[in-house]
């Protein structure tokens, strides 16, 4: 078993009207459309990206077995 946590990130607010680097961060997370979700391992790099645009996202922890949706 891996000791890394897994998070599901969902885009709940549009990045339109925010700075270019915040829009690029949303795209780098793999979020292209509203209410789209992606699953990432929680690494310092991913956590930093999420923290930068947390006002646009919903983040929830998921167990790795159910993360393969």
PDB file of N, CA and C in Angstrom:
ATOM      1  N   UNK A   1       0.827  -1.185   0.000  1.00  0.00           N
ATOM      2  CA  UNK A   1       0.000   0.000   0.000  1.00  0.00           C
ATOM      3  C   UNK A   1       0.872   1.249   0.000  1.00  0.00           C
ATOM      4  N   UNK A   2       0.400   2.245  -0.677  1.00  0.00           N
ATOM      5  CA  UNK A   2       1.104   3.517  -0.710  1.00  0.00           C
ATOM      6  C   UNK A   2       0.695   4.358   0.486  1.00  0.00           C
ATOM      7  N   UNK A   3       1.646   5.113   1.019  1.00  0.00           N
ATOM      8  CA  UNK A   3       1.331   5.957   2.161  1.00  0.00           C
ATOM      9  C   UNK A   3       0.923   7.367   1.722  1.00  0.00           C
ATOM     10  N   UNK A   4       0.890   7.619   0.404  1.00  0.00           N
ATOM     11  CA  UNK A   4       0.475   8.921  -0.094  1.00  0.00           C
ATOM     12  C   UNK A   4      -1.031   9.007  -0.170  1.00  0.00           C
ATOM     13  N   UNK A   5      -1.558  10.176   0.192  1.00  0.00           N
ATOM     14  CA  UNK A   5      -2.997  10.380   0.120  1.00  0.00           C
ATOM     15  C   UNK A   5      -3.378  10.757  -1.299  1.00  0.00           C
ATOM     16  N   UNK A   6      -4.638  10.536  -1.619  1.00  0.00           N
ATOM     17  CA  UNK A   6      -5.165  10.855  -2.937  1.00  0.00           C
ATOM     18  C   UNK A   6      -6.281  11.863  -2.764  1.00  0.00           C
ATOM     19  N   UNK A   7      -6.307  12.891  -3.627  1.00  0.00           N
ATOM     20  CA  UNK A   7      -7.333  13.919  -3.536  1.00  0.00           C
ATOM     21  C   UNK A   7      -8.079  14.028  -4.863  1.00  0.00           C
ATOM     22  N   UNK A   8      -9.350  14.363  -4.778  1.00  0.00           N
ATOM     23  CA  UNK A   8     -10.161  14.649  -5.964  1.00  0.00           C
ATOM     24  C   UNK A   8     -10.375  16.153  -5.993  1.00  0.00           C
ATOM     25  N   UNK A   9     -10.020  16.776  -7.117  1.00  0.00           N
ATOM     26  CA  UNK A   9     -10.121  18.217  -7.283  1.00  0.00           C
ATOM     27  C   UNK A   9     -11.202  18.488  -8.325  1.00  0.00           C
ATOM     28  N   UNK A  10     -12.184  19.333  -7.976  1.00  0.00           N
ATOM     29  CA  UNK A  10     -13.291  19.667  -8.859  1.00  0.00           C
ATOM     30  C   UNK A  10     -13.322  21.175  -9.074  1.00  0.00           C
ATOM     31  N   UNK A  11     -13.470  21.591 -10.332  1.00  0.00           N
ATOM     32  CA  UNK A  11     -13.562  23.007 -10.665  1.00  0.00           C
ATOM     33  C   UNK A  11     -14.999  23.460 -10.449  1.00  0.00           C
ATOM     34  N   UNK A  12     -15.230  24.338  -9.478  1.00  0.00           N
ATOM     35  CA  UNK A  12     -16.586  24.770  -9.149  1.00  0.00           C
ATOM     36  C   UNK A  12     -16.839  26.232  -9.493  1.00  0.00           C
ATOM     37  N   UNK A  13     -15.786  27.006  -9.764  1.00  0.00           N
ATOM     38  CA  UNK A  13     -15.948  28.388 -10.208  1.00  0.00           C
ATOM     39  C   UNK A  13     -15.101  28.593 -11.448  1.00  0.00           C
ATOM     40  N   UNK A  14     -15.560  29.434 -12.341  1.00  0.00           N
ATOM     41  CA  UNK A  14     -14.864  29.682 -13.583  1.00  0.00           C
ATOM     42  C   UNK A  14     -13.609  30.522 -13.356  1.00  0.00           C
ATOM     43  N   UNK A  15     -12.511  30.184 -14.043  1.00  0.00           N
ATOM     44  CA  UNK A  15     -11.303  30.997 -13.936  1.00  0.00           C
ATOM     45  C   UNK A  15     -11.344  32.261 -14.802  1.00  0.00           C
ATOM     46  N   UNK A  16     -12.431  32.477 -15.529  1.00  0.00           N
ATOM     47  CA  UNK A  16     -12.557  33.694 -16.337  1.00  0.00           C
ATOM     48  C   UNK A  16     -12.558  34.894 -15.398  1.00  0.00           C
ATOM     49  N   UNK A  17     -11.777  35.887 -15.732  1.00  0.00           N
ATOM     50  CA  UNK A  17     -11.695  37.085 -14.909  1.00  0.00           C
ATOM     51  C   UNK A  17     -10.563  37.047 -13.902  1.00  0.00           C
ATOM     52  N   UNK A  18      -9.866  35.921 -13.808  1.00  0.00           N
ATOM     53  CA  UNK A  18      -8.721  35.813 -12.918  1.00  0.00           C
ATOM     54  C   UNK A  18      -7.443  35.937 -13.740  1.00  0.00           C
ATOM     55  N   UNK A  19      -6.318  36.019 -13.075  1.00  0.00           N
ATOM     56  CA  UNK A  19      -5.061  36.252 -13.770  1.00  0.00           C
ATOM     57  C   UNK A  19      -4.672  35.054 -14.642  1.00  0.00           C
ATOM     58  N   UNK A  20      -3.799  35.339 -15.600  1.00  0.00           N
ATOM     59  CA  UNK A  20      -3.369  34.300 -16.542  1.00  0.00           C
ATOM     60  C   UNK A  20      -2.673  33.148 -15.825  1.00  0.00           C
ATOM     61  N   UNK A  21      -1.884  33.429 -14.800  1.00  0.00           N
ATOM     62  CA  UNK A  21      -1.198  32.336 -14.105  1.00  0.00           C
ATOM     63  C   UNK A  21      -2.170  31.462 -13.327  1.00  0.00           C
ATOM     64  N   UNK A  22      -3.270  32.031 -12.826  1.00  0.00           N
ATOM     65  CA  UNK A  22      -4.272  31.197 -12.157  1.00  0.00           C
ATOM     66  C   UNK A  22      -5.012  30.330 -13.170  1.00  0.00           C
ATOM     67  N   UNK A  23      -5.312  30.868 -14.337  1.00  0.00           N
ATOM     68  CA  UNK A  23      -5.956  30.049 -15.384  1.00  0.00           C
ATOM     69  C   UNK A  23      -5.027  28.943 -15.842  1.00  0.00           C
ATOM     70  N   UNK A  24      -3.741  29.243 -15.954  1.00  0.00           N
ATOM     71  CA  UNK A  24      -2.767  28.224 -16.350  1.00  0.00           C
ATOM     72  C   UNK A  24      -2.637  27.142 -15.285  1.00  0.00           C
ATOM     73  N   UNK A  25      -2.734  27.511 -14.026  1.00  0.00           N
ATOM     74  CA  UNK A  25      -2.666  26.535 -12.938  1.00  0.00           C
ATOM     75  C   UNK A  25      -3.860  25.587 -12.986  1.00  0.00           C
ATOM     76  N   UNK A  26      -5.051  26.133 -13.252  1.00  0.00           N
ATOM     77  CA  UNK A  26      -6.246  25.292 -13.371  1.00  0.00           C
ATOM     78  C   UNK A  26      -6.068  24.304 -14.516  1.00  0.00           C
ATOM     79  N   UNK A  27      -5.548  24.767 -15.651  1.00  0.00           N
ATOM     80  CA  UNK A  27      -5.332  23.866 -16.780  1.00  0.00           C
ATOM     81  C   UNK A  27      -4.253  22.838 -16.472  1.00  0.00           C
ATOM     82  N   UNK A  28      -3.204  23.240 -15.761  1.00  0.00           N
ATOM     83  CA  UNK A  28      -2.128  22.310 -15.413  1.00  0.00           C
ATOM     84  C   UNK A  28      -2.617  21.212 -14.471  1.00  0.00           C
ATOM     85  N   UNK A  29      -3.638  21.514 -13.694  1.00  0.00           N
ATOM     86  CA  UNK A  29      -4.237  20.483 -12.835  1.00  0.00           C
ATOM     87  C   UNK A  29      -5.070  19.497 -13.647  1.00  0.00           C
ATOM     88  N   UNK A  30      -5.328  19.816 -14.904  1.00  0.00           N
ATOM     89  CA  UNK A  30      -6.096  18.920 -15.760  1.00  0.00           C
ATOM     90  C   UNK A  30      -7.570  19.244 -15.807  1.00  0.00           C
ATOM     91  N   UNK A  31      -7.937  20.436 -15.354  1.00  0.00           N
ATOM     92  CA  UNK A  31      -9.342  20.834 -15.320  1.00  0.00           C
ATOM     93  C   UNK A  31      -9.637  21.718 -16.516  1.00  0.00           C
ATOM     94  N   UNK A  32     -10.522  21.249 -17.390  1.00  0.00           N
ATOM     95  CA  UNK A  32     -10.823  21.980 -18.614  1.00  0.00           C
ATOM     96  C   UNK A  32     -12.222  22.583 -18.597  1.00  0.00           C
ATOM     97  N   UNK A  33     -13.163  21.937 -17.929  1.00  0.00           N
ATOM     98  CA  UNK A  33     -14.557  22.376 -17.934  1.00  0.00           C
ATOM     99  C   UNK A  33     -15.076  22.506 -16.509  1.00  0.00           C
ATOM    100  N   UNK A  34     -16.137  23.282 -16.373  1.00  0.00           N
ATOM    101  CA  UNK A  34     -16.775  23.441 -15.071  1.00  0.00           C
ATOM    102  C   UNK A  34     -17.293  22.088 -14.568  1.00  0.00           C
ATOM    103  N   UNK A  35     -17.170  21.861 -13.297  1.00  0.00           N
ATOM    104  CA  UNK A  35     -17.633  20.659 -12.595  1.00  0.00           C
ATOM    105  C   UNK A  35     -16.915  19.394 -13.057  1.00  0.00           C
ATOM    106  N   UNK A  36     -15.776  19.562 -13.713  1.00  0.00           N
ATOM    107  CA  UNK A  36     -14.937  18.418 -14.056  1.00  0.00           C
ATOM    108  C   UNK A  36     -14.079  18.079 -12.845  1.00  0.00           C
ATOM    109  N   UNK A  37     -13.800  16.800 -12.656  1.00  0.00           N
ATOM    110  CA  UNK A  37     -12.989  16.352 -11.527  1.00  0.00           C
ATOM    111  C   UNK A  37     -11.783  15.578 -12.027  1.00  0.00           C
ATOM    112  N   UNK A  38     -10.689  15.710 -11.319  1.00  0.00           N
ATOM    113  CA  UNK A  38      -9.493  14.912 -11.573  1.00  0.00           C
ATOM    114  C   UNK A  38      -8.991  14.395 -10.234  1.00  0.00           C
ATOM    115  N   UNK A  39      -8.290  13.285 -10.290  1.00  0.00           N
ATOM    116  CA  UNK A  39      -7.736  12.668  -9.087  1.00  0.00           C
ATOM    117  C   UNK A  39      -6.222  12.765  -9.175  1.00  0.00           C
ATOM    118  N   UNK A  40      -5.604  13.266  -8.118  1.00  0.00           N
ATOM    119  CA  UNK A  40      -4.153  13.413  -8.050  1.00  0.00           C
ATOM    120  C   UNK A  40      -3.648  12.828  -6.745  1.00  0.00           C
ATOM    121  N   UNK A  41      -2.401  12.352  -6.771  1.00  0.00           N
ATOM    122  CA  UNK A  41      -1.725  12.017  -5.526  1.00  0.00           C
ATOM    123  C   UNK A  41      -1.356  13.333  -4.864  1.00  0.00           C
ATOM    124  N   UNK A  42      -1.458  13.390  -3.556  1.00  0.00           N
ATOM    125  CA  UNK A  42      -1.174  14.630  -2.851  1.00  0.00           C
ATOM    126  C   UNK A  42       0.327  14.763  -2.635  1.00  0.00           C
ATOM    127  N   UNK A  43       0.947  15.528  -3.506  1.00  0.00           N
ATOM    128  CA  UNK A  43       2.374  15.833  -3.410  1.00  0.00           C
ATOM    129  C   UNK A  43       2.522  17.311  -3.069  1.00  0.00           C
ATOM    130  N   UNK A  44       3.689  17.749  -2.650  1.00  0.00           N
ATOM    131  CA  UNK A  44       3.871  19.174  -2.378  1.00  0.00           C
ATOM    132  C   UNK A  44       3.600  20.050  -3.608  1.00  0.00           C
ATOM    133  N   UNK A  45       3.920  19.544  -4.794  1.00  0.00           N
ATOM    134  CA  UNK A  45       3.695  20.315  -6.013  1.00  0.00           C
ATOM    135  C   UNK A  45       2.204  20.484  -6.293  1.00  0.00           C
ATOM    136  N   UNK A  46       1.455  19.400  -6.189  1.00  0.00           N
ATOM    137  CA  UNK A  46       0.006  19.458  -6.419  1.00  0.00           C
ATOM    138  C   UNK A  46      -0.654  20.297  -5.337  1.00  0.00           C
ATOM    139  N   UNK A  47      -0.235  20.138  -4.092  1.00  0.00           N
ATOM    140  CA  UNK A  47      -0.826  20.907  -2.992  1.00  0.00           C
ATOM    141  C   UNK A  47      -0.582  22.404  -3.197  1.00  0.00           C
ATOM    142  N   UNK A  48       0.592  22.786  -3.688  1.00  0.00           N
ATOM    143  CA  UNK A  48       0.872  24.188  -3.965  1.00  0.00           C
ATOM    144  C   UNK A  48      -0.001  24.734  -5.077  1.00  0.00           C
ATOM    145  N   UNK A  49      -0.219  23.939  -6.114  1.00  0.00           N
ATOM    146  CA  UNK A  49      -1.089  24.371  -7.210  1.00  0.00           C
ATOM    147  C   UNK A  49      -2.527  24.535  -6.720  1.00  0.00           C
ATOM    148  N   UNK A  50      -2.979  23.597  -5.911  1.00  0.00           N
ATOM    149  CA  UNK A  50      -4.339  23.670  -5.371  1.00  0.00           C
ATOM    150  C   UNK A  50      -4.487  24.899  -4.481  1.00  0.00           C
ATOM    151  N   UNK A  51      -3.503  25.165  -3.630  1.00  0.00           N
ATOM    152  CA  UNK A  51      -3.579  26.317  -2.735  1.00  0.00           C
ATOM    153  C   UNK A  51      -3.617  27.627  -3.501  1.00  0.00           C
ATOM    154  N   UNK A  52      -2.990  27.670  -4.667  1.00  0.00           N
ATOM    155  CA  UNK A  52      -2.968  28.900  -5.459  1.00  0.00           C
ATOM    156  C   UNK A  52      -4.348  29.257  -5.995  1.00  0.00           C
ATOM    157  N   UNK A  53      -5.157  28.250  -6.309  1.00  0.00           N
ATOM    158  CA  UNK A  53      -6.482  28.500  -6.898  1.00  0.00           C
ATOM    159  C   UNK A  53      -7.592  27.862  -6.071  1.00  0.00           C
ATOM    160  N   UNK A  54      -7.396  27.771  -4.753  1.00  0.00           N
ATOM    161  CA  UNK A  54      -8.360  27.104  -3.877  1.00  0.00           C
ATOM    162  C   UNK A  54      -9.733  27.763  -3.939  1.00  0.00           C
ATOM    163  N   UNK A  55      -9.789  29.056  -4.262  1.00  0.00           N
ATOM    164  CA  UNK A  55     -11.062  29.773  -4.335  1.00  0.00           C
ATOM    165  C   UNK A  55     -11.899  29.338  -5.538  1.00  0.00           C
ATOM    166  N   UNK A  56     -11.307  28.558  -6.452  1.00  0.00           N
ATOM    167  CA  UNK A  56     -12.029  28.069  -7.630  1.00  0.00           C
ATOM    168  C   UNK A  56     -12.363  26.581  -7.532  1.00  0.00           C
ATOM    169  N   UNK A  57     -11.865  25.916  -6.516  1.00  0.00           N
ATOM    170  CA  UNK A  57     -11.910  24.453  -6.462  1.00  0.00           C
ATOM    171  C   UNK A  57     -12.678  23.930  -5.260  1.00  0.00           C
ATOM    172  N   UNK A  58     -13.062  22.665  -5.396  1.00  0.00           N
ATOM    173  CA  UNK A  58     -13.528  21.867  -4.263  1.00  0.00           C
ATOM    174  C   UNK A  58     -12.560  20.694  -4.169  1.00  0.00           C
ATOM    175  N   UNK A  59     -12.014  20.466  -2.997  1.00  0.00           N
ATOM    176  CA  UNK A  59     -11.012  19.418  -2.807  1.00  0.00           C
ATOM    177  C   UNK A  59     -11.525  18.443  -1.771  1.00  0.00           C
ATOM    178  N   UNK A  60     -11.445  17.152  -2.081  1.00  0.00           N
ATOM    179  CA  UNK A  60     -11.846  16.125  -1.121  1.00  0.00           C
ATOM    180  C   UNK A  60     -10.870  14.965  -1.191  1.00  0.00           C
ATOM    181  N   UNK A  61     -10.636  14.366  -0.051  1.00  0.00           N
ATOM    182  CA  UNK A  61      -9.747  13.215   0.018  1.00  0.00           C
ATOM    183  C   UNK A  61     -10.534  11.964  -0.351  1.00  0.00           C
ATOM    184  N   UNK A  62      -9.925  11.116  -1.164  1.00  0.00           N
ATOM    185  CA  UNK A  62     -10.565   9.864  -1.553  1.00  0.00           C
ATOM    186  C   UNK A  62      -9.620   8.721  -1.255  1.00  0.00           C
ATOM    187  N   UNK A  63     -10.180   7.532  -1.085  1.00  0.00           N
ATOM    188  CA  UNK A  63      -9.336   6.380  -0.885  1.00  0.00           C
ATOM    189  C   UNK A  63      -8.838   5.898  -2.255  1.00  0.00           C
ATOM    190  N   UNK A  64      -7.598   5.421  -2.326  1.00  0.00           N
ATOM    191  CA  UNK A  64      -6.992   5.092  -3.616  1.00  0.00           C
ATOM    192  C   UNK A  64      -7.737   4.028  -4.422  1.00  0.00           C
ATOM    193  N   UNK A  65      -8.471   3.145  -3.743  1.00  0.00           N
ATOM    194  CA  UNK A  65      -9.184   2.085  -4.465  1.00  0.00           C
ATOM    195  C   UNK A  65     -10.326   2.671  -5.309  1.00  0.00           C
ATOM    196  N   UNK A  66     -10.991   3.706  -4.794  1.00  0.00           N
ATOM    197  CA  UNK A  66     -12.113   4.281  -5.529  1.00  0.00           C
ATOM    198  C   UNK A  66     -11.677   5.447  -6.418  1.00  0.00           C
ATOM    199  N   UNK A  67     -10.382   5.741  -6.476  1.00  0.00           N
ATOM    200  CA  UNK A  67      -9.881   6.882  -7.234  1.00  0.00           C
ATOM    201  C   UNK A  67      -9.774   6.586  -8.721  1.00  0.00           C
ATOM    202  N   UNK A  68     -10.014   5.376  -9.150  1.00  0.00           N
ATOM    203  CA  UNK A  68      -9.866   5.017 -10.558  1.00  0.00           C
ATOM    204  C   UNK A  68     -11.189   5.135 -11.287  1.00  0.00           C
ATOM    205  N   UNK A  69     -11.806   6.293 -11.201  1.00  0.00           N
ATOM    206  CA  UNK A  69     -13.082   6.510 -11.866  1.00  0.00           C
ATOM    207  C   UNK A  69     -12.891   6.994 -13.278  1.00  0.00           C
TER     208      UNK A  69
END
